[in-house]
Amino acid sequence: MTAQTLVTTTPGQVPVRRRRRFLGRGGEDRPSWGATTTLLVCTLAVFLPLYATVTMAFKTTAQSVDGQVFSLPSPFSVDGFVEAWKLTDFPRGFAISVFVTAVTVVGTVGLASFAAYAIARNWDRRFFRYSFFYLLAAMFLPFPVLALSQVKLTGMVGLANPVGVALLHVMFQLSFSVLLFTAFIRGLPEELEESARLDGATTWMVFRHIVFPMMAPMSATVAIFAFLASWNDFMMPSLITADSTLQTLPVLQSVFQTQFSSNYNVAFASYLMAMAPAIIVYLFTQRWVMAGVTQGAIK
């Protein structure tokens, strides 16, 4: 069936043109080959490097330099993981990364939800409205622009350590998180809050027992974005943390990169160990990311 333009009219109305969709045999929609090809290319662009990382990580040192990047390891070897575990002191680096990421996620969700609720419910007041615009403007100031000042400031106040890195992660995630939370909260019904206040509930009780539970999808979305940004960050920990023994995994990998120069299996094993937690978390929570963003956009 080809596309046809139909003109529908009703008494007293201007004719409205409606366009039928292209349908194949049996009335099914025709597939969009352009979109399918684009998605296939994007999938390969992500899958091939990941596949190469996994195969290289399980190869021996001799196999990793034979030029066959995409060949399967034969035999499988975990020597690269053992060597990377020792060189990077993986347990310590992993614990520091978990600490920084956990503080970032909890702090971002807590502060952003508080600020967004205050802004959304006091939008008619100039102070809160301008505060929202101020936070949006802060999104255009990335860390590299402010790196020098942040390094000096954290050194002056004794925060040149993972705690300072976590606090800066929270601050730089705050703008985007408040934007998501505010869009979501403005779509929540206020009748439940008003009835709770009539029963004697305070603002904190209303937020804790009514508003925050309803924000669960968006809270999960904000937490996932904060997790990925904090776990994969390299520049901020490398510049802020003064003690090299307190660095996160991405920085430790860079420090020991010279020792991996001829041992590609060790290098890729280290990369795989570092990015495995982020991949696992995203695979199990990606539906919450899409659901939260979609609900916030619609509301």
Foldseek 3Di string as FASTA:
>chain_A
DDKDWDWDDDPPDDTDIDIDADADPPRHHDDDVVVVVVVVVVVCVPPVVVQLLVQLLQAFLVVNPPPCSNDHHVVGHNVLLVVLCVQLVVVLQAVLLVVLLVLLLVLQLVVLLVLLVVLLVPVVDPVSVVVLVVLLVLLPQDCVNCVVVLQVVCVVVVNLASVSLSVVLSSNLNSVLNLLNNLQQNPDDCPVVVVVVVVPDDPVRCCVPPVVVVCVLSSLQSSLVSNVCSLPDDPSNVRRHPDPSRGHLVPSLVVCVVVCVSRSNNSSSSVCVSCVVNVVVCVVCVVSNVVSNVSSVVD
